[in-house]
Each structure stands twice: as structure tokens, then as C-alpha cells.
Amino acid sequence: REEIIFLLSKLEAIIDFSDEELPINLEKVFISKTLHLLTEMKRAVKSSSFGERLRNGFVITLIGRPNVGKSSLINFLSNRNIAIVTNEPGTTRDVIEVLLDFDGFPVLLNDTAGIRESDSKIEKIGIKKALNTAKKSDIVLLLSDNDDFTIPNLKVSQKIIYVHTKADLNKKKLTLAHKISIKNTTGIEELVNMIT
């Protein structure tokens, strides 16, 4: 606002006193400051979605094969039993959302169906929803308990964080993935810090 008022006063001087002697660089200053203001406005418009994210929450989706610990992780992070956890593959069939606070940032965390080949019509719908939710997310947490992070049909351009779950069971050294264990709560605080 201050810049626009300043530019307006200079513009009025250029128009009103065009036949009088004005400072030589007045026109140059006006053009330079106008271009700078336009650049700042473009930058503000680009980052306006960040403000929307701060109001509505950053969307983070947990994705992976069945039984890799997606539901256990969302339950742990929310400190509630939001998702059903069983040893039976395909328990989660729909997207489960929970709004959390990660160090002051609102986060909409999504638990999704495990990605696998299935003959079940209901499970196929859940898998399709999982892939679509991941596509619309700000961050995708790709979970695996055996160092296999290949997910067919996963097409995302967002930031992917590879998370090796059940680290208490598998002591293999991994360079690619962040290791966590729900059972002994290792690596989870570091994961939240990484997301933040």
C-alpha cells in the first residue's frame, strides 16, 4: 500500500508538472519501483496457496501394500484407535482422514487401502481411492516393511518420504528409507520433524 501511494504521488507529479523541471531520474524511479511491485505481487499470488494450506491443513497420505503399518501409524500419531488394525490384509478399504497438529501446522493425515492385486470389487474401489488421494496430497508417505517400495499405478509429482516400518523386526540397514517402529516408538518423532 505504501509503495502504491508513493508511486501514485510520483505519477501525479509526472502528469501535473510535465512542462516544469522535475528530477531527471523521476521517470526511471517510477518504472523501476513499478516493476519491483509487480514482481512482489506475482510472488505473493504464487504463495497464496500456502496460506490456504495453513488454514485448511496440509494433506499427507499414507500409502503402501497391505499390512505394512499404515493404520498403526495413523492410530499412533492421532493417539486414538481411528483405523482398525488386524493381521488380515485388506482391512482398510476406504480413506480414513484425521486432522492433526504437527508443530503448529495443521495436517490432514489420510490412511488408505493397501495397494495389491485383488478380485474383490470393494477392495479395488478402495485401492483406486487410495491412489487418487495420494495424487492430490502435498506429501506422500510411502510405507514398506520389507524394503519394497514399488507401487503399481502410483503417479505422484509431490514429495515422497520413504518409510520403513516395523524396524524392530527387520534390522536390515537401509539407506533409502526412514526407519520407524510403532512397537518401540523409534523414528516417529524424527519422521514428524521431517514432515514439518
N, C-alpha and C. Protein backbone atom coordinates (compact mmCIF):
# COMPACT_ATOMS: atom_id res chain seq x y z
N ARG A 1 0.84 -1.21 0.00
CA ARG A 1 0.00 0.00 0.00
C ARG A 1 0.87 1.25 0.00
N GLU A 2 1.90 1.23 0.85
CA GLU A 2 2.80 2.39 0.91
C GLU A 2 3.50 2.62 -0.42
N GLU A 3 3.92 1.51 -1.05
CA GLU A 3 4.59 1.62 -2.36
C GLU A 3 3.65 2.19 -3.41
N ILE A 4 2.40 1.74 -3.40
CA ILE A 4 1.42 2.22 -4.39
C ILE A 4 1.14 3.71 -4.17
N ILE A 5 1.02 4.14 -2.92
CA ILE A 5 0.80 5.57 -2.62
C ILE A 5 2.00 6.38 -3.10
N PHE A 6 3.21 5.87 -2.85
CA PHE A 6 4.44 6.55 -3.30
C PHE A 6 4.43 6.66 -4.83
N LEU A 7 4.11 5.56 -5.52
CA LEU A 7 4.11 5.56 -6.98
C LEU A 7 3.02 6.50 -7.52
N LEU A 8 1.89 6.53 -6.87
CA LEU A 8 0.80 7.41 -7.29
C LEU A 8 1.23 8.88 -7.21
N SER A 9 1.92 9.23 -6.13
CA SER A 9 2.37 10.63 -5.99
C SER A 9 3.37 10.99 -7.09
N LYS A 10 4.26 10.05 -7.43
CA LYS A 10 5.24 10.32 -8.49
C LYS A 10 4.55 10.43 -9.85
N LEU A 11 3.57 9.56 -10.07
CA LEU A 11 2.84 9.60 -11.34
C LEU A 11 2.08 10.92 -11.49
N GLU A 12 1.45 11.36 -10.41
CA GLU A 12 0.74 12.65 -10.45
C GLU A 12 1.71 13.79 -10.75
N ALA A 13 2.90 13.72 -10.17
CA ALA A 13 3.92 14.77 -10.43
C ALA A 13 4.32 14.78 -11.89
N ILE A 14 4.50 13.57 -12.45
CA ILE A 14 4.90 13.46 -13.87
C ILE A 14 3.79 14.03 -14.76
N ILE A 15 2.53 13.75 -14.44
CA ILE A 15 1.41 14.21 -15.27
C ILE A 15 1.15 15.71 -15.05
N ASP A 16 1.03 16.13 -13.80
CA ASP A 16 0.64 17.51 -13.48
C ASP A 16 1.73 18.53 -13.82
N PHE A 17 2.98 18.12 -13.66
CA PHE A 17 4.06 19.10 -13.85
C PHE A 17 4.97 18.70 -15.01
N SER A 18 4.38 18.16 -16.06
CA SER A 18 5.17 17.68 -17.20
C SER A 18 5.92 18.80 -17.91
N ASP A 19 5.39 20.03 -17.86
CA ASP A 19 6.07 21.15 -18.53
C ASP A 19 7.06 21.86 -17.62
N GLU A 20 7.18 21.40 -16.37
CA GLU A 20 8.12 22.01 -15.43
C GLU A 20 9.32 21.09 -15.24
N GLU A 21 10.34 21.65 -14.62
CA GLU A 21 11.54 20.85 -14.35
C GLU A 21 11.31 19.91 -13.19
N LEU A 22 11.44 18.63 -13.49
CA LEU A 22 11.31 17.58 -12.47
C LEU A 22 12.67 16.89 -12.32
N PRO A 23 12.88 16.21 -11.22
CA PRO A 23 14.14 15.47 -11.10
C PRO A 23 14.35 14.56 -12.32
N ILE A 24 15.57 14.50 -12.78
CA ILE A 24 15.88 13.78 -14.02
C ILE A 24 15.50 12.30 -13.94
N ASN A 25 15.74 11.68 -12.80
CA ASN A 25 15.53 10.22 -12.69
C ASN A 25 14.13 9.84 -12.21
N LEU A 26 13.19 10.79 -12.14
CA LEU A 26 11.86 10.51 -11.61
C LEU A 26 11.15 9.41 -12.41
N GLU A 27 11.24 9.50 -13.72
CA GLU A 27 10.59 8.50 -14.57
C GLU A 27 11.23 7.13 -14.40
N LYS A 28 12.56 7.11 -14.31
CA LYS A 28 13.28 5.84 -14.10
C LYS A 28 12.91 5.21 -12.77
N VAL A 29 12.82 6.03 -11.72
CA VAL A 29 12.45 5.53 -10.39
C VAL A 29 11.04 4.96 -10.43
N PHE A 30 10.13 5.68 -11.11
CA PHE A 30 8.75 5.21 -11.21
C PHE A 30 8.68 3.85 -11.89
N ILE A 31 9.34 3.72 -13.03
CA ILE A 31 9.32 2.45 -13.78
C ILE A 31 9.97 1.33 -12.97
N SER A 32 11.09 1.60 -12.37
CA SER A 32 11.82 0.59 -11.57
C SER A 32 10.97 0.10 -10.40
N LYS A 33 10.38 1.05 -9.66
CA LYS A 33 9.57 0.67 -8.49
C LYS A 33 8.29 -0.05 -8.91
N THR A 34 7.70 0.33 -10.05
CA THR A 34 6.50 -0.35 -10.55
C THR A 34 6.82 -1.81 -10.90
N LEU A 35 7.94 -2.02 -11.60
CA LEU A 35 8.34 -3.38 -11.97
C LEU A 35 8.62 -4.23 -10.72
N HIS A 36 9.27 -3.61 -9.73
CA HIS A 36 9.55 -4.31 -8.46
C HIS A 36 8.24 -4.70 -7.76
N LEU A 37 7.28 -3.78 -7.74
CA LEU A 37 5.99 -4.03 -7.10
C LEU A 37 5.25 -5.17 -7.82
N LEU A 38 5.29 -5.19 -9.15
CA LEU A 38 4.64 -6.26 -9.92
C LEU A 38 5.26 -7.62 -9.60
N THR A 39 6.58 -7.65 -9.48
CA THR A 39 7.29 -8.89 -9.12
C THR A 39 6.86 -9.38 -7.75
N GLU A 40 6.77 -8.46 -6.79
CA GLU A 40 6.34 -8.82 -5.42
C GLU A 40 4.91 -9.34 -5.41
N MET A 41 4.04 -8.71 -6.22
CA MET A 41 2.64 -9.15 -6.28
C MET A 41 2.54 -10.55 -6.87
N LYS A 42 3.32 -10.83 -7.93
CA LYS A 42 3.32 -12.16 -8.53
C LYS A 42 3.79 -13.21 -7.53
N ARG A 43 4.82 -12.86 -6.78
CA ARG A 43 5.35 -13.78 -5.75
C ARG A 43 4.29 -14.04 -4.68
N ALA A 44 3.57 -13.01 -4.28
CA ALA A 44 2.53 -13.15 -3.25
C ALA A 44 1.40 -14.04 -3.75
N VAL A 45 1.02 -13.88 -5.01
CA VAL A 45 -0.06 -14.70 -5.58
C VAL A 45 0.37 -16.17 -5.63
N LYS A 46 1.64 -16.43 -6.01
CA LYS A 46 2.14 -17.80 -6.07
C LYS A 46 2.09 -18.48 -4.71
N SER A 47 2.41 -17.75 -3.66
CA SER A 47 2.47 -18.36 -2.34
C SER A 47 1.14 -18.26 -1.59
N SER A 48 0.08 -17.77 -2.26
CA SER A 48 -1.21 -17.64 -1.57
C SER A 48 -1.79 -19.00 -1.21
N SER A 49 -1.45 -20.06 -1.98
CA SER A 49 -1.96 -21.39 -1.66
C SER A 49 -1.36 -21.89 -0.34
N PHE A 50 -0.18 -21.39 0.01
CA PHE A 50 0.44 -21.76 1.30
C PHE A 50 -0.43 -21.27 2.45
N GLY A 51 -0.97 -20.05 2.32
CA GLY A 51 -1.88 -19.53 3.35
C GLY A 51 -3.13 -20.37 3.47
N GLU A 52 -3.63 -20.83 2.32
CA GLU A 52 -4.81 -21.70 2.33
C GLU A 52 -4.48 -23.01 3.03
N ARG A 53 -3.29 -23.54 2.78
CA ARG A 53 -2.87 -24.78 3.43
C ARG A 53 -2.76 -24.59 4.94
N LEU A 54 -2.28 -23.42 5.35
CA LEU A 54 -2.18 -23.15 6.79
C LEU A 54 -3.55 -23.10 7.45
N ARG A 55 -4.55 -22.66 6.70
CA ARG A 55 -5.91 -22.61 7.24
C ARG A 55 -6.57 -24.00 7.23
N ASN A 56 -6.47 -24.70 6.09
CA ASN A 56 -7.20 -25.95 5.91
C ASN A 56 -6.41 -27.20 6.26
N GLY A 57 -5.10 -27.09 6.29
CA GLY A 57 -4.26 -28.24 6.60
C GLY A 57 -3.53 -28.77 5.38
N PHE A 58 -2.30 -29.19 5.60
CA PHE A 58 -1.50 -29.83 4.56
C PHE A 58 -1.97 -31.28 4.47
N VAL A 59 -2.14 -31.79 3.26
CA VAL A 59 -2.66 -33.14 3.07
C VAL A 59 -1.50 -34.12 2.92
N ILE A 60 -1.47 -35.10 3.81
CA ILE A 60 -0.43 -36.13 3.80
C ILE A 60 -1.13 -37.48 3.73
N THR A 61 -0.71 -38.31 2.78
CA THR A 61 -1.34 -39.60 2.59
C THR A 61 -0.35 -40.73 2.83
N LEU A 62 -0.81 -41.71 3.62
CA LEU A 62 -0.03 -42.93 3.86
C LEU A 62 -0.42 -43.93 2.78
N ILE A 63 0.58 -44.45 2.09
CA ILE A 63 0.30 -45.40 1.02
C ILE A 63 1.30 -46.55 1.11
N GLY A 64 0.87 -47.71 0.69
CA GLY A 64 1.74 -48.89 0.73
C GLY A 64 0.92 -50.14 0.52
N ARG A 65 1.59 -51.27 0.54
CA ARG A 65 0.91 -52.55 0.39
C ARG A 65 0.13 -52.88 1.67
N PRO A 66 -0.73 -53.89 1.64
CA PRO A 66 -1.47 -54.25 2.85
C PRO A 66 -0.54 -54.67 3.99
N ASN A 67 -0.94 -54.36 5.19
CA ASN A 67 -0.27 -54.79 6.43
C ASN A 67 1.16 -54.29 6.58
N VAL A 68 1.45 -53.09 6.07
CA VAL A 68 2.79 -52.52 6.28
C VAL A 68 2.82 -51.57 7.47
N GLY A 69 1.64 -51.32 8.07
CA GLY A 69 1.61 -50.49 9.27
C GLY A 69 1.02 -49.10 9.08
N LYS A 70 0.28 -48.88 7.99
CA LYS A 70 -0.33 -47.57 7.74
C LYS A 70 -1.33 -47.21 8.84
N SER A 71 -2.24 -48.14 9.13
CA SER A 71 -3.27 -47.89 10.14
C SER A 71 -2.66 -47.77 11.53
N SER A 72 -1.64 -48.57 11.81
CA SER A 72 -0.96 -48.48 13.12
C SER A 72 -0.31 -47.11 13.28
N LEU A 73 0.28 -46.59 12.20
CA LEU A 73 0.94 -45.29 12.27
C LEU A 73 -0.08 -44.17 12.49
N ILE A 74 -1.21 -44.20 11.76
CA ILE A 74 -2.20 -43.14 11.94
C ILE A 74 -2.81 -43.21 13.34
N ASN A 75 -3.02 -44.41 13.86
CA ASN A 75 -3.52 -44.55 15.23
C ASN A 75 -2.53 -43.98 16.24
N PHE A 76 -1.24 -44.28 16.03
CA PHE A 76 -0.21 -43.80 16.96
C PHE A 76 -0.12 -42.27 16.92
N LEU A 77 -0.07 -41.70 15.70
CA LEU A 77 0.07 -40.25 15.57
C LEU A 77 -1.14 -39.49 16.10
N SER A 78 -2.32 -40.07 15.98
CA SER A 78 -3.53 -39.40 16.46
C SER A 78 -3.82 -39.73 17.92
N ASN A 79 -3.09 -40.69 18.46
CA ASN A 79 -3.28 -41.10 19.86
C ASN A 79 -4.69 -41.64 20.10
N ARG A 80 -5.28 -42.22 19.04
CA ARG A 80 -6.63 -42.80 19.11
C ARG A 80 -6.70 -44.02 18.20
N ASN A 81 -7.67 -44.87 18.41
CA ASN A 81 -7.91 -46.00 17.51
C ASN A 81 -8.86 -45.57 16.41
N ILE A 82 -8.32 -44.87 15.44
CA ILE A 82 -9.12 -44.36 14.33
C ILE A 82 -9.34 -45.44 13.29
N ALA A 83 -8.29 -46.20 13.02
CA ALA A 83 -8.36 -47.24 11.99
C ALA A 83 -8.28 -48.62 12.65
N ILE A 84 -8.98 -49.58 12.03
CA ILE A 84 -8.94 -50.96 12.51
C ILE A 84 -7.60 -51.57 12.11
N VAL A 85 -6.94 -52.22 13.06
CA VAL A 85 -5.66 -52.87 12.80
C VAL A 85 -5.83 -54.36 13.03
N THR A 86 -5.61 -55.15 11.96
CA THR A 86 -5.64 -56.61 12.08
C THR A 86 -4.51 -57.19 11.23
N ASN A 87 -4.28 -58.49 11.38
CA ASN A 87 -3.29 -59.19 10.54
C ASN A 87 -3.88 -59.55 9.18
N GLU A 88 -5.18 -59.36 9.01
CA GLU A 88 -5.84 -59.72 7.76
C GLU A 88 -5.62 -58.62 6.72
N PRO A 89 -5.02 -58.97 5.57
CA PRO A 89 -4.80 -57.95 4.52
C PRO A 89 -6.13 -57.42 4.00
N GLY A 90 -6.16 -56.16 3.66
CA GLY A 90 -7.36 -55.56 3.07
C GLY A 90 -8.37 -55.08 4.09
N THR A 91 -7.94 -54.87 5.34
CA THR A 91 -8.87 -54.40 6.38
C THR A 91 -9.35 -52.99 6.07
N THR A 92 -8.42 -52.08 5.75
CA THR A 92 -8.79 -50.70 5.40
C THR A 92 -9.23 -50.69 3.95
N ARG A 93 -10.45 -50.22 3.73
CA ARG A 93 -10.97 -50.22 2.36
C ARG A 93 -11.32 -48.82 1.87
N ASP A 94 -11.49 -47.89 2.80
CA ASP A 94 -11.82 -46.52 2.42
C ASP A 94 -10.74 -45.59 2.98
N VAL A 95 -10.74 -44.36 2.53
CA VAL A 95 -9.77 -43.38 3.03
C VAL A 95 -10.25 -42.90 4.40
N ILE A 96 -9.38 -43.00 5.38
CA ILE A 96 -9.69 -42.53 6.73
C ILE A 96 -8.88 -41.26 6.96
N GLU A 97 -9.56 -40.16 7.30
CA GLU A 97 -8.91 -38.86 7.50
C GLU A 97 -8.88 -38.49 8.96
N VAL A 98 -7.78 -37.87 9.37
CA VAL A 98 -7.71 -37.32 10.73
C VAL A 98 -6.92 -36.00 10.66
N LEU A 99 -7.45 -34.98 11.33
CA LEU A 99 -6.78 -33.68 11.37
C LEU A 99 -5.87 -33.64 12.58
N LEU A 100 -4.59 -33.37 12.35
CA LEU A 100 -3.59 -33.35 13.42
C LEU A 100 -2.83 -32.03 13.40
N ASP A 101 -2.03 -31.83 14.42
CA ASP A 101 -1.18 -30.65 14.54
C ASP A 101 0.27 -31.13 14.60
N PHE A 102 1.05 -30.79 13.57
CA PHE A 102 2.47 -31.13 13.55
C PHE A 102 3.25 -29.85 13.78
N ASP A 103 3.66 -29.63 15.00
CA ASP A 103 4.49 -28.47 15.37
C ASP A 103 3.83 -27.16 14.94
N GLY A 104 2.51 -27.06 15.16
CA GLY A 104 1.78 -25.83 14.84
C GLY A 104 1.19 -25.81 13.45
N PHE A 105 1.54 -26.77 12.60
CA PHE A 105 0.98 -26.84 11.25
C PHE A 105 -0.21 -27.80 11.24
N PRO A 106 -1.36 -27.37 10.72
CA PRO A 106 -2.48 -28.31 10.61
C PRO A 106 -2.20 -29.31 9.49
N VAL A 107 -2.42 -30.58 9.78
CA VAL A 107 -2.15 -31.65 8.83
C VAL A 107 -3.37 -32.55 8.73
N LEU A 108 -3.82 -32.79 7.51
CA LEU A 108 -4.88 -33.76 7.26
C LEU A 108 -4.21 -35.05 6.83
N LEU A 109 -4.18 -36.02 7.74
CA LEU A 109 -3.49 -37.28 7.51
C LEU A 109 -4.49 -38.32 7.01
N ASN A 110 -4.16 -38.98 5.89
CA ASN A 110 -5.05 -39.97 5.27
C ASN A 110 -4.46 -41.36 5.38
N ASP A 111 -5.24 -42.29 5.92
CA ASP A 111 -4.89 -43.71 5.87
C ASP A 111 -5.65 -44.29 4.69
N THR A 112 -5.00 -45.16 3.92
CA THR A 112 -5.63 -45.67 2.70
C THR A 112 -5.57 -47.20 2.65
N ALA A 113 -6.31 -47.74 1.71
CA ALA A 113 -6.31 -49.19 1.49
C ALA A 113 -4.93 -49.63 1.00
N GLY A 114 -4.55 -50.84 1.37
CA GLY A 114 -3.29 -51.40 0.89
C GLY A 114 -3.36 -51.67 -0.60
N ILE A 115 -2.28 -51.35 -1.29
CA ILE A 115 -2.24 -51.49 -2.75
C ILE A 115 -1.77 -52.91 -3.09
N ARG A 116 -2.62 -53.65 -3.78
CA ARG A 116 -2.29 -55.00 -4.23
C ARG A 116 -3.27 -55.41 -5.32
N GLU A 117 -2.96 -56.51 -6.01
CA GLU A 117 -3.90 -57.09 -6.96
C GLU A 117 -5.02 -57.75 -6.16
N SER A 118 -6.26 -57.51 -6.56
CA SER A 118 -7.38 -58.08 -5.82
C SER A 118 -8.54 -58.36 -6.76
N ASP A 119 -9.30 -59.42 -6.43
CA ASP A 119 -10.51 -59.74 -7.19
C ASP A 119 -11.74 -59.09 -6.57
N SER A 120 -11.59 -58.62 -5.34
CA SER A 120 -12.70 -58.01 -4.61
C SER A 120 -13.06 -56.66 -5.22
N LYS A 121 -14.32 -56.51 -5.59
CA LYS A 121 -14.80 -55.27 -6.19
C LYS A 121 -14.64 -54.10 -5.20
N ILE A 122 -15.00 -54.35 -3.93
CA ILE A 122 -14.91 -53.31 -2.89
C ILE A 122 -13.46 -52.90 -2.67
N GLU A 123 -12.57 -53.88 -2.62
CA GLU A 123 -11.16 -53.57 -2.39
C GLU A 123 -10.57 -52.79 -3.56
N LYS A 124 -10.97 -53.13 -4.78
CA LYS A 124 -10.50 -52.41 -5.97
C LYS A 124 -10.90 -50.93 -5.90
N ILE A 125 -12.13 -50.67 -5.44
CA ILE A 125 -12.59 -49.27 -5.28
C ILE A 125 -11.72 -48.56 -4.25
N GLY A 126 -11.43 -49.23 -3.13
CA GLY A 126 -10.57 -48.66 -2.09
C GLY A 126 -9.18 -48.35 -2.59
N ILE A 127 -8.63 -49.25 -3.40
CA ILE A 127 -7.28 -49.06 -3.97
C ILE A 127 -7.27 -47.86 -4.92
N LYS A 128 -8.32 -47.76 -5.74
CA LYS A 128 -8.42 -46.61 -6.67
C LYS A 128 -8.51 -45.30 -5.89
N LYS A 129 -9.31 -45.30 -4.81
CA LYS A 129 -9.42 -44.10 -3.96
C LYS A 129 -8.08 -43.76 -3.33
N ALA A 130 -7.34 -44.77 -2.90
CA ALA A 130 -6.03 -44.56 -2.28
C ALA A 130 -5.08 -43.87 -3.25
N LEU A 131 -5.03 -44.36 -4.49
CA LEU A 131 -4.13 -43.79 -5.50
C LEU A 131 -4.55 -42.36 -5.85
N ASN A 132 -5.86 -42.11 -5.95
CA ASN A 132 -6.35 -40.75 -6.25
C ASN A 132 -6.06 -39.79 -5.11
N THR A 133 -6.22 -40.26 -3.87
CA THR A 133 -5.93 -39.41 -2.71
C THR A 133 -4.46 -39.05 -2.67
N ALA A 134 -3.60 -40.02 -2.95
CA ALA A 134 -2.15 -39.77 -2.97
C ALA A 134 -1.79 -38.72 -4.02
N LYS A 135 -2.46 -38.80 -5.17
CA LYS A 135 -2.19 -37.86 -6.26
C LYS A 135 -2.49 -36.42 -5.87
N LYS A 136 -3.50 -36.22 -4.99
CA LYS A 136 -3.92 -34.87 -4.59
C LYS A 136 -3.23 -34.38 -3.32
N SER A 137 -2.33 -35.16 -2.77
CA SER A 137 -1.69 -34.82 -1.49
C SER A 137 -0.51 -33.88 -1.66
N ASP A 138 -0.15 -33.21 -0.56
CA ASP A 138 1.05 -32.38 -0.55
C ASP A 138 2.29 -33.25 -0.33
N ILE A 139 2.15 -34.26 0.51
CA ILE A 139 3.24 -35.19 0.80
C ILE A 139 2.67 -36.60 0.82
N VAL A 140 3.42 -37.55 0.27
CA VAL A 140 3.03 -38.95 0.33
C VAL A 140 4.06 -39.69 1.18
N LEU A 141 3.56 -40.41 2.19
CA LEU A 141 4.43 -41.28 2.98
C LEU A 141 4.26 -42.68 2.39
N LEU A 142 5.31 -43.17 1.74
CA LEU A 142 5.27 -44.49 1.11
C LEU A 142 5.87 -45.49 2.09
N LEU A 143 5.02 -46.37 2.63
CA LEU A 143 5.43 -47.29 3.69
C LEU A 143 5.71 -48.69 3.14
N SER A 144 6.73 -49.32 3.70
CA SER A 144 7.06 -50.70 3.39
C SER A 144 7.69 -51.33 4.61
N ASP A 145 7.44 -52.62 4.80
CA ASP A 145 8.08 -53.31 5.91
C ASP A 145 9.17 -54.27 5.44
N ASN A 146 9.44 -54.27 4.11
CA ASN A 146 10.46 -55.19 3.57
C ASN A 146 11.34 -54.56 2.50
N ASP A 147 11.42 -53.25 2.49
CA ASP A 147 12.27 -52.52 1.55
C ASP A 147 11.79 -52.59 0.09
N ASP A 148 10.53 -52.97 -0.13
CA ASP A 148 9.96 -52.97 -1.47
C ASP A 148 8.99 -51.79 -1.56
N PHE A 149 9.44 -50.72 -2.22
CA PHE A 149 8.63 -49.50 -2.31
C PHE A 149 7.96 -49.35 -3.67
N THR A 150 7.87 -50.44 -4.43
CA THR A 150 7.22 -50.35 -5.74
C THR A 150 5.71 -50.48 -5.56
N ILE A 151 5.00 -49.48 -6.05
CA ILE A 151 3.54 -49.46 -6.00
C ILE A 151 3.04 -49.27 -7.43
N PRO A 152 2.38 -50.30 -7.98
CA PRO A 152 1.87 -50.15 -9.35
C PRO A 152 0.85 -49.01 -9.43
N ASN A 153 0.89 -48.28 -10.51
CA ASN A 153 -0.07 -47.19 -10.81
C ASN A 153 0.04 -45.99 -9.88
N LEU A 154 1.07 -45.91 -9.06
CA LEU A 154 1.25 -44.72 -8.21
C LEU A 154 1.91 -43.64 -9.04
N LYS A 155 1.15 -42.58 -9.31
CA LYS A 155 1.66 -41.47 -10.12
C LYS A 155 1.51 -40.19 -9.30
N VAL A 156 2.59 -39.77 -8.68
CA VAL A 156 2.55 -38.53 -7.91
C VAL A 156 3.76 -37.68 -8.27
N SER A 157 3.55 -36.38 -8.25
CA SER A 157 4.66 -35.46 -8.50
C SER A 157 5.09 -34.79 -7.20
N GLN A 158 4.40 -35.11 -6.11
CA GLN A 158 4.67 -34.48 -4.83
C GLN A 158 5.89 -35.10 -4.17
N LYS A 159 6.21 -34.53 -3.04
CA LYS A 159 7.30 -35.04 -2.22
C LYS A 159 6.89 -36.40 -1.67
N ILE A 160 7.77 -37.40 -1.85
CA ILE A 160 7.55 -38.74 -1.29
C ILE A 160 8.60 -38.97 -0.22
N ILE A 161 8.13 -39.40 0.95
CA ILE A 161 9.04 -39.79 2.03
C ILE A 161 8.90 -41.30 2.18
N TYR A 162 10.02 -42.01 1.98
CA TYR A 162 10.02 -43.46 2.10
C TYR A 162 10.19 -43.84 3.56
N VAL A 163 9.26 -44.67 4.06
CA VAL A 163 9.25 -45.02 5.47
C VAL A 163 9.31 -46.55 5.60
N HIS A 164 10.36 -47.02 6.25
CA HIS A 164 10.49 -48.46 6.52
C HIS A 164 9.89 -48.73 7.89
N THR A 165 8.75 -49.43 7.89
CA THR A 165 8.04 -49.71 9.14
C THR A 165 8.55 -51.01 9.76
N LYS A 166 8.11 -51.25 10.99
CA LYS A 166 8.44 -52.47 11.73
C LYS A 166 9.95 -52.66 11.83
N ALA A 167 10.65 -51.55 12.06
CA ALA A 167 12.11 -51.58 12.15
C ALA A 167 12.59 -52.45 13.30
N ASP A 168 11.75 -52.67 14.31
CA ASP A 168 12.13 -53.54 15.42
C ASP A 168 12.23 -55.00 14.99
N LEU A 169 11.52 -55.38 13.91
CA LEU A 169 11.56 -56.76 13.41
C LEU A 169 12.65 -56.96 12.36
N ASN A 170 12.87 -55.94 11.57
CA ASN A 170 13.82 -56.04 10.47
C ASN A 170 15.01 -55.13 10.75
N LYS A 171 16.13 -55.71 11.08
CA LYS A 171 17.32 -54.93 11.45
C LYS A 171 18.19 -54.57 10.24
N LYS A 172 17.71 -54.87 9.04
CA LYS A 172 18.48 -54.58 7.83
C LYS A 172 18.80 -53.09 7.74
N LYS A 173 20.02 -52.76 7.34
CA LYS A 173 20.39 -51.34 7.19
C LYS A 173 19.87 -50.84 5.86
N LEU A 174 19.11 -49.76 5.91
CA LEU A 174 18.55 -49.18 4.69
C LEU A 174 19.05 -47.76 4.53
N THR A 175 19.46 -47.43 3.34
CA THR A 175 19.93 -46.07 3.09
C THR A 175 18.82 -45.20 2.53
N LEU A 176 17.85 -45.81 1.88
CA LEU A 176 16.81 -45.05 1.17
C LEU A 176 15.71 -44.56 2.11
N ALA A 177 15.31 -45.39 3.05
CA ALA A 177 14.09 -45.12 3.81
C ALA A 177 14.38 -44.68 5.24
N HIS A 178 13.40 -43.95 5.78
CA HIS A 178 13.44 -43.56 7.19
C HIS A 178 12.84 -44.72 7.99
N LYS A 179 13.55 -45.21 8.99
CA LYS A 179 13.09 -46.37 9.75
C LYS A 179 12.26 -45.94 10.96
N ILE A 180 11.10 -46.62 11.13
CA ILE A 180 10.27 -46.37 12.30
C ILE A 180 9.79 -47.70 12.90
N SER A 181 9.41 -47.65 14.14
CA SER A 181 8.77 -48.79 14.80
C SER A 181 7.68 -48.24 15.72
N ILE A 182 6.46 -48.69 15.49
CA ILE A 182 5.34 -48.29 16.36
C ILE A 182 5.50 -48.99 17.71
N LYS A 183 5.96 -50.23 17.64
CA LYS A 183 6.08 -51.06 18.84
C LYS A 183 6.99 -50.42 19.89
N ASN A 184 8.18 -49.96 19.46
CA ASN A 184 9.07 -49.32 20.44
C ASN A 184 9.24 -47.82 20.20
N THR A 185 8.37 -47.24 19.40
CA THR A 185 8.25 -45.80 19.12
C THR A 185 9.53 -45.14 18.60
N THR A 186 10.36 -45.90 17.93
CA THR A 186 11.59 -45.30 17.39
C THR A 186 11.34 -44.68 16.02
N GLY A 187 12.00 -43.57 15.78
CA GLY A 187 11.98 -42.91 14.48
C GLY A 187 10.75 -42.10 14.17
N ILE A 188 9.74 -42.14 15.04
CA ILE A 188 8.48 -41.45 14.72
C ILE A 188 8.61 -39.95 14.93
N GLU A 189 9.24 -39.54 16.00
CA GLU A 189 9.44 -38.10 16.24
C GLU A 189 10.27 -37.49 15.12
N GLU A 190 11.30 -38.22 14.67
CA GLU A 190 12.14 -37.75 13.56
C GLU A 190 11.32 -37.66 12.27
N LEU A 191 10.40 -38.61 12.07
CA LEU A 191 9.55 -38.58 10.88
C LEU A 191 8.65 -37.34 10.89
N VAL A 192 8.06 -37.04 12.03
CA VAL A 192 7.21 -35.85 12.14
C VAL A 192 8.04 -34.59 11.88
N ASN A 193 9.25 -34.55 12.42
CA ASN A 193 10.15 -33.40 12.17
C ASN A 193 10.47 -33.27 10.69
N MET A 194 10.69 -34.41 10.02
CA MET A 194 10.99 -34.41 8.60
C MET A 194 9.80 -33.86 7.80
N ILE A 195 8.59 -34.27 8.18
CA ILE A 195 7.37 -33.78 7.52
C ILE A 195 7.22 -32.28 7.75
N THR A 196 7.41 -31.85 9.00
CA THR A 196 7.28 -30.43 9.33
C THR A 196 8.27 -29.60 8.56
